[in-house]
């Protein structure tokens, strides 16, 4: 059986914010598929940036590790965008068998906006 460390996955979120010292605001993009490493999640953010006309392709993102399970990326020249790469564990055990009735009840609606707040230790 794999250890819990082997079951660690990463996801990324890109926010548009009006307060760059905290991570909160409208979600612009978020991972649709989990990643096996922090670097892969950060790489996904860098791919998203190529599609945003407000951000130049050579704009630098400064990443800061908050803990072992989270990194916050702040854009050097675009203070209204903040990215987060976050780790989580996959569930233990085998997935439950889904019946048609249970599948109908388990559909999740995607929120249009969501906020999280993480105070930045060095506000700009």
N, C-alpha and C. Protein backbone atom coordinates (compact mmCIF):
# COMPACT_ATOMS: atom_id res chain seq x y z
N UNK A 1 0.85 -1.18 0.00
CA UNK A 1 0.00 0.00 0.00
C UNK A 1 0.89 1.24 0.00
N UNK A 2 0.59 2.24 -0.82
CA UNK A 2 1.42 3.45 -0.87
C UNK A 2 1.31 4.25 0.43
N UNK A 3 2.39 4.94 0.76
CA UNK A 3 2.37 5.79 1.95
C UNK A 3 1.56 7.05 1.66
N UNK A 4 1.20 7.77 2.72
CA UNK A 4 0.44 9.02 2.54
C UNK A 4 1.24 10.01 1.70
N UNK A 5 2.56 10.01 1.84
CA UNK A 5 3.39 10.95 1.08
C UNK A 5 3.28 10.68 -0.43
N UNK A 6 3.11 9.40 -0.78
CA UNK A 6 2.97 9.05 -2.19
C UNK A 6 1.63 9.50 -2.76
N UNK A 7 0.69 9.83 -1.90
CA UNK A 7 -0.66 10.20 -2.35
C UNK A 7 -0.85 11.72 -2.37
N UNK A 8 0.23 12.47 -2.27
CA UNK A 8 0.16 13.93 -2.27
C UNK A 8 0.02 14.44 -3.70
N UNK A 9 -0.95 15.33 -3.93
CA UNK A 9 -1.17 15.92 -5.25
C UNK A 9 -1.25 17.44 -5.09
N UNK A 10 -1.11 18.14 -6.21
CA UNK A 10 -1.07 19.60 -6.21
C UNK A 10 -2.10 20.17 -7.17
N UNK A 11 -2.61 21.35 -6.84
CA UNK A 11 -3.53 22.09 -7.71
C UNK A 11 -3.13 23.56 -7.67
N UNK A 12 -3.53 24.31 -8.68
CA UNK A 12 -3.19 25.74 -8.75
C UNK A 12 -4.46 26.56 -8.95
N UNK A 13 -4.40 27.81 -8.45
CA UNK A 13 -5.50 28.76 -8.60
C UNK A 13 -4.88 30.11 -8.91
N UNK A 14 -5.49 30.85 -9.83
CA UNK A 14 -5.05 32.21 -10.17
C UNK A 14 -6.18 33.17 -9.80
N UNK A 15 -5.86 34.17 -8.97
CA UNK A 15 -6.83 35.15 -8.49
C UNK A 15 -6.58 36.51 -9.10
N UNK A 16 -7.65 37.26 -9.29
CA UNK A 16 -7.56 38.70 -9.57
C UNK A 16 -8.00 39.37 -8.28
N UNK A 17 -7.17 40.26 -7.75
CA UNK A 17 -7.43 40.86 -6.45
C UNK A 17 -7.27 42.37 -6.50
N UNK A 18 -7.91 43.05 -5.60
CA UNK A 18 -7.71 44.50 -5.47
C UNK A 18 -6.83 44.82 -4.26
N UNK A 19 -6.52 43.79 -3.47
CA UNK A 19 -5.65 43.95 -2.31
C UNK A 19 -4.50 42.94 -2.41
N UNK A 20 -3.39 43.32 -3.02
CA UNK A 20 -2.32 42.35 -3.26
C UNK A 20 -1.64 41.83 -2.01
N UNK A 21 -1.85 42.47 -0.86
CA UNK A 21 -1.20 41.98 0.36
C UNK A 21 -1.88 40.75 0.94
N UNK A 22 -3.08 40.43 0.46
CA UNK A 22 -3.77 39.21 0.88
C UNK A 22 -4.19 38.44 -0.36
N UNK A 23 -4.38 37.15 -0.20
CA UNK A 23 -4.84 36.31 -1.31
C UNK A 23 -6.35 36.21 -1.19
N UNK A 24 -7.05 37.02 -1.95
CA UNK A 24 -8.50 36.96 -2.00
C UNK A 24 -8.95 37.61 -3.30
N UNK A 25 -10.12 37.26 -3.75
CA UNK A 25 -10.63 37.86 -4.97
C UNK A 25 -11.27 36.84 -5.87
N UNK A 26 -11.55 37.27 -7.07
CA UNK A 26 -12.20 36.41 -8.05
C UNK A 26 -11.21 35.41 -8.62
N UNK A 27 -11.65 34.19 -8.74
CA UNK A 27 -10.82 33.15 -9.35
C UNK A 27 -10.86 33.33 -10.86
N UNK A 28 -9.68 33.50 -11.45
CA UNK A 28 -9.57 33.63 -12.90
C UNK A 28 -9.43 32.25 -13.54
N UNK A 29 -8.57 31.42 -12.99
CA UNK A 29 -8.34 30.06 -13.49
C UNK A 29 -8.07 29.15 -12.30
N UNK A 30 -8.36 27.87 -12.46
CA UNK A 30 -8.02 26.87 -11.45
C UNK A 30 -7.76 25.55 -12.14
N UNK A 31 -6.95 24.74 -11.50
CA UNK A 31 -6.61 23.44 -12.08
C UNK A 31 -7.86 22.60 -12.26
N UNK A 32 -7.96 21.98 -13.42
CA UNK A 32 -9.02 21.02 -13.65
C UNK A 32 -8.53 19.60 -13.44
N UNK A 33 -7.22 19.45 -13.40
CA UNK A 33 -6.62 18.15 -13.16
C UNK A 33 -5.52 18.33 -12.12
N UNK A 34 -5.40 17.38 -11.20
CA UNK A 34 -4.37 17.46 -10.17
C UNK A 34 -3.00 17.14 -10.75
N UNK A 35 -1.97 17.61 -10.06
CA UNK A 35 -0.58 17.39 -10.47
C UNK A 35 0.16 16.60 -9.40
N UNK A 36 1.21 15.90 -9.81
CA UNK A 36 1.99 15.11 -8.87
C UNK A 36 3.05 15.94 -8.15
N UNK A 37 3.34 17.15 -8.61
CA UNK A 37 4.39 17.95 -7.96
C UNK A 37 4.01 19.42 -7.91
N UNK A 38 4.67 20.13 -7.01
CA UNK A 38 4.51 21.58 -6.89
C UNK A 38 4.94 22.25 -8.19
N UNK A 39 6.06 21.80 -8.75
CA UNK A 39 6.57 22.41 -9.98
C UNK A 39 5.59 22.27 -11.14
N UNK A 40 4.89 21.15 -11.22
CA UNK A 40 3.91 20.96 -12.28
C UNK A 40 2.73 21.92 -12.11
N UNK A 41 2.30 22.14 -10.88
CA UNK A 41 1.21 23.10 -10.63
C UNK A 41 1.66 24.52 -10.96
N UNK A 42 2.88 24.87 -10.58
CA UNK A 42 3.43 26.19 -10.91
C UNK A 42 3.56 26.34 -12.43
N UNK A 43 3.97 25.28 -13.09
CA UNK A 43 4.07 25.31 -14.56
C UNK A 43 2.72 25.55 -15.21
N UNK A 44 1.65 25.03 -14.61
CA UNK A 44 0.32 25.28 -15.15
C UNK A 44 -0.02 26.77 -15.05
N UNK A 45 0.33 27.41 -13.94
CA UNK A 45 0.10 28.86 -13.80
C UNK A 45 0.85 29.61 -14.90
N UNK A 46 2.09 29.22 -15.15
CA UNK A 46 2.88 29.90 -16.17
C UNK A 46 2.26 29.73 -17.56
N UNK A 47 1.58 28.63 -17.81
CA UNK A 47 0.87 28.44 -19.08
C UNK A 47 -0.37 29.34 -19.15
N UNK A 48 -1.08 29.49 -18.04
CA UNK A 48 -2.25 30.36 -18.01
C UNK A 48 -1.88 31.80 -18.35
N UNK A 49 -0.73 32.24 -17.83
CA UNK A 49 -0.29 33.62 -18.01
C UNK A 49 -0.17 33.96 -19.50
N UNK A 50 0.20 32.99 -20.30
CA UNK A 50 0.34 33.22 -21.75
C UNK A 50 -0.98 33.62 -22.39
N UNK A 51 -2.11 33.23 -21.78
CA UNK A 51 -3.43 33.53 -22.33
C UNK A 51 -4.03 34.84 -21.80
N UNK A 52 -3.37 35.48 -20.86
CA UNK A 52 -3.91 36.71 -20.27
C UNK A 52 -3.29 37.93 -20.94
N UNK A 53 -4.08 38.73 -21.63
CA UNK A 53 -3.52 39.89 -22.34
C UNK A 53 -2.97 40.97 -21.39
N UNK A 54 -3.44 41.00 -20.13
CA UNK A 54 -2.98 42.01 -19.18
C UNK A 54 -1.56 41.74 -18.69
N UNK A 55 -1.11 40.51 -18.82
CA UNK A 55 0.20 40.11 -18.29
C UNK A 55 1.12 39.80 -19.46
N UNK A 56 2.30 40.38 -19.42
CA UNK A 56 3.31 40.13 -20.45
C UNK A 56 3.93 38.75 -20.23
N UNK A 57 4.27 38.03 -21.29
CA UNK A 57 4.85 36.70 -21.14
C UNK A 57 6.14 36.67 -20.32
N UNK A 58 6.88 37.78 -20.31
CA UNK A 58 8.13 37.80 -19.55
C UNK A 58 7.97 38.37 -18.14
N UNK A 59 6.72 38.68 -17.72
CA UNK A 59 6.49 39.13 -16.35
C UNK A 59 6.89 38.03 -15.38
N UNK A 60 7.64 38.40 -14.38
CA UNK A 60 8.16 37.43 -13.42
C UNK A 60 7.14 37.19 -12.31
N UNK A 61 7.09 35.94 -11.85
CA UNK A 61 6.28 35.57 -10.69
C UNK A 61 7.25 35.16 -9.59
N UNK A 62 7.15 35.81 -8.43
CA UNK A 62 7.97 35.44 -7.27
C UNK A 62 7.16 34.48 -6.41
N UNK A 63 7.68 33.26 -6.27
CA UNK A 63 6.99 32.22 -5.49
C UNK A 63 7.57 32.15 -4.10
N UNK A 64 6.70 32.07 -3.10
CA UNK A 64 7.11 31.94 -1.71
C UNK A 64 6.42 30.71 -1.12
N UNK A 65 7.20 29.81 -0.54
CA UNK A 65 6.63 28.63 0.11
C UNK A 65 6.09 29.07 1.47
N UNK A 66 4.80 28.85 1.67
CA UNK A 66 4.17 29.22 2.94
C UNK A 66 4.40 28.10 3.95
N UNK A 67 4.15 26.89 3.54
CA UNK A 67 4.41 25.70 4.33
C UNK A 67 4.79 24.61 3.34
N UNK A 68 4.87 23.39 3.81
CA UNK A 68 5.18 22.28 2.91
C UNK A 68 4.09 22.05 1.88
N UNK A 69 2.88 22.55 2.17
CA UNK A 69 1.75 22.23 1.30
C UNK A 69 1.21 23.42 0.50
N UNK A 70 1.91 24.57 0.51
CA UNK A 70 1.38 25.72 -0.22
C UNK A 70 2.49 26.66 -0.65
N UNK A 71 2.34 27.21 -1.87
CA UNK A 71 3.23 28.25 -2.38
C UNK A 71 2.35 29.37 -2.93
N UNK A 72 2.76 30.61 -2.69
CA UNK A 72 2.03 31.77 -3.19
C UNK A 72 2.92 32.48 -4.20
N UNK A 73 2.37 32.73 -5.38
CA UNK A 73 3.09 33.42 -6.44
C UNK A 73 2.55 34.83 -6.63
N UNK A 74 3.42 35.81 -6.52
CA UNK A 74 3.03 37.21 -6.70
C UNK A 74 3.71 37.74 -7.95
N UNK A 75 2.95 38.40 -8.80
CA UNK A 75 3.47 38.94 -10.04
C UNK A 75 4.24 40.22 -9.74
N UNK A 76 5.46 40.34 -10.23
CA UNK A 76 6.31 41.49 -9.95
C UNK A 76 5.72 42.77 -10.54
N UNK A 77 5.22 42.72 -11.76
CA UNK A 77 4.71 43.92 -12.43
C UNK A 77 3.20 44.02 -12.48
N UNK A 78 2.49 43.02 -12.02
CA UNK A 78 1.02 43.01 -12.01
C UNK A 78 0.54 42.64 -10.62
N UNK A 79 0.42 43.62 -9.75
CA UNK A 79 0.10 43.36 -8.35
C UNK A 79 -1.34 42.91 -8.12
N UNK A 80 -2.17 42.99 -9.14
CA UNK A 80 -3.57 42.58 -8.99
C UNK A 80 -3.81 41.12 -9.31
N UNK A 81 -2.75 40.36 -9.51
CA UNK A 81 -2.87 38.92 -9.74
C UNK A 81 -2.03 38.18 -8.73
N UNK A 82 -2.60 37.12 -8.17
CA UNK A 82 -1.90 36.27 -7.20
C UNK A 82 -2.22 34.83 -7.56
N UNK A 83 -1.21 33.97 -7.50
CA UNK A 83 -1.41 32.55 -7.78
C UNK A 83 -1.10 31.74 -6.53
N UNK A 84 -1.78 30.62 -6.39
CA UNK A 84 -1.55 29.71 -5.27
C UNK A 84 -1.39 28.30 -5.82
N UNK A 85 -0.35 27.62 -5.38
CA UNK A 85 -0.18 26.19 -5.65
C UNK A 85 -0.33 25.50 -4.30
N UNK A 86 -1.27 24.57 -4.21
CA UNK A 86 -1.59 23.95 -2.92
C UNK A 86 -1.61 22.44 -3.05
N UNK A 87 -1.10 21.78 -2.01
CA UNK A 87 -1.08 20.32 -1.99
C UNK A 87 -2.22 19.78 -1.14
N UNK A 88 -2.63 18.57 -1.47
CA UNK A 88 -3.61 17.85 -0.67
C UNK A 88 -3.38 16.36 -0.88
N UNK A 89 -3.93 15.56 0.01
CA UNK A 89 -3.79 14.11 -0.11
C UNK A 89 -4.99 13.52 -0.85
N UNK A 90 -4.71 12.51 -1.64
CA UNK A 90 -5.80 11.74 -2.24
C UNK A 90 -6.48 10.95 -1.13
N UNK A 91 -7.74 10.59 -1.31
CA UNK A 91 -8.43 9.80 -0.28
C UNK A 91 -7.76 8.44 -0.09
N UNK A 92 -7.91 7.89 1.09
CA UNK A 92 -7.40 6.55 1.39
C UNK A 92 -8.40 5.52 0.87
N UNK A 93 -7.89 4.36 0.54
CA UNK A 93 -8.76 3.28 0.12
C UNK A 93 -9.18 3.39 -1.34
N UNK A 94 -10.06 2.47 -1.71
CA UNK A 94 -10.56 2.43 -3.08
C UNK A 94 -11.76 3.37 -3.21
N UNK A 95 -11.96 3.91 -4.42
CA UNK A 95 -13.15 4.76 -4.63
C UNK A 95 -14.42 3.93 -4.44
N UNK A 96 -15.48 4.55 -3.91
CA UNK A 96 -16.74 3.80 -3.77
C UNK A 96 -17.35 3.51 -5.13
N UNK A 97 -18.09 2.44 -5.19
CA UNK A 97 -18.79 2.12 -6.43
C UNK A 97 -19.96 3.07 -6.57
N UNK A 98 -20.08 3.66 -7.72
CA UNK A 98 -21.14 4.64 -7.95
C UNK A 98 -22.33 3.98 -8.65
N UNK A 99 -23.49 4.22 -8.11
CA UNK A 99 -24.72 3.79 -8.77
C UNK A 99 -25.27 4.98 -9.54
N UNK A 100 -26.17 4.75 -10.45
CA UNK A 100 -26.75 5.85 -11.22
C UNK A 100 -27.46 6.83 -10.29
N UNK A 101 -28.13 6.33 -9.26
CA UNK A 101 -28.84 7.20 -8.34
C UNK A 101 -27.85 8.08 -7.58
N UNK A 102 -26.75 7.49 -7.11
CA UNK A 102 -25.75 8.24 -6.35
C UNK A 102 -25.03 9.23 -7.25
N UNK A 103 -24.76 8.89 -8.50
CA UNK A 103 -24.11 9.82 -9.42
C UNK A 103 -24.95 11.06 -9.62
N UNK A 104 -26.26 10.92 -9.70
CA UNK A 104 -27.14 12.06 -9.89
C UNK A 104 -27.10 12.99 -8.68
N UNK A 105 -26.96 12.42 -7.48
CA UNK A 105 -26.92 13.23 -6.26
C UNK A 105 -25.56 13.83 -5.98
N UNK A 106 -24.51 13.33 -6.60
CA UNK A 106 -23.15 13.77 -6.29
C UNK A 106 -22.60 14.78 -7.28
N UNK A 107 -23.40 15.29 -8.16
CA UNK A 107 -22.90 16.27 -9.11
C UNK A 107 -22.61 17.57 -8.37
N UNK A 108 -21.44 18.13 -8.63
CA UNK A 108 -21.01 19.35 -7.95
C UNK A 108 -21.08 20.51 -8.93
N UNK A 109 -21.70 21.60 -8.48
CA UNK A 109 -21.73 22.81 -9.30
C UNK A 109 -20.48 23.62 -9.01
N UNK A 110 -19.87 24.15 -10.05
CA UNK A 110 -18.67 24.96 -9.91
C UNK A 110 -19.05 26.38 -9.55
N UNK A 111 -18.49 26.93 -8.46
CA UNK A 111 -18.79 28.32 -8.12
C UNK A 111 -18.15 29.27 -9.12
N UNK A 112 -18.78 30.42 -9.35
CA UNK A 112 -18.22 31.39 -10.29
C UNK A 112 -17.12 32.21 -9.63
N UNK A 113 -17.21 32.43 -8.34
CA UNK A 113 -16.18 33.16 -7.61
C UNK A 113 -15.99 32.51 -6.25
N UNK A 114 -14.78 32.59 -5.75
CA UNK A 114 -14.49 32.06 -4.44
C UNK A 114 -13.30 32.82 -3.90
N UNK A 115 -13.28 33.04 -2.61
CA UNK A 115 -12.19 33.79 -2.01
C UNK A 115 -11.56 32.98 -0.89
N UNK A 116 -10.26 33.11 -0.78
CA UNK A 116 -9.56 32.64 0.40
C UNK A 116 -8.70 33.80 0.87
N UNK A 117 -8.37 33.82 2.12
CA UNK A 117 -7.57 34.92 2.65
C UNK A 117 -6.33 34.34 3.31
N UNK A 118 -5.17 34.78 2.86
CA UNK A 118 -3.90 34.42 3.46
C UNK A 118 -3.11 35.70 3.58
N UNK A 119 -2.85 36.13 4.79
CA UNK A 119 -2.10 37.37 4.98
C UNK A 119 -0.69 37.21 4.47
N UNK A 120 -0.23 38.21 3.77
CA UNK A 120 1.12 38.23 3.22
C UNK A 120 2.05 38.80 4.29
N UNK A 121 3.17 38.14 4.60
CA UNK A 121 4.07 38.64 5.65
C UNK A 121 4.76 39.94 5.30
N UNK A 122 4.94 40.23 4.02
CA UNK A 122 5.62 41.46 3.60
C UNK A 122 4.78 42.18 2.56
N UNK A 123 3.72 42.92 2.98
CA UNK A 123 2.91 43.60 1.97
C UNK A 123 3.73 44.61 1.20
N UNK A 124 3.38 44.74 -0.06
CA UNK A 124 4.12 45.67 -0.92
C UNK A 124 3.53 47.05 -0.83
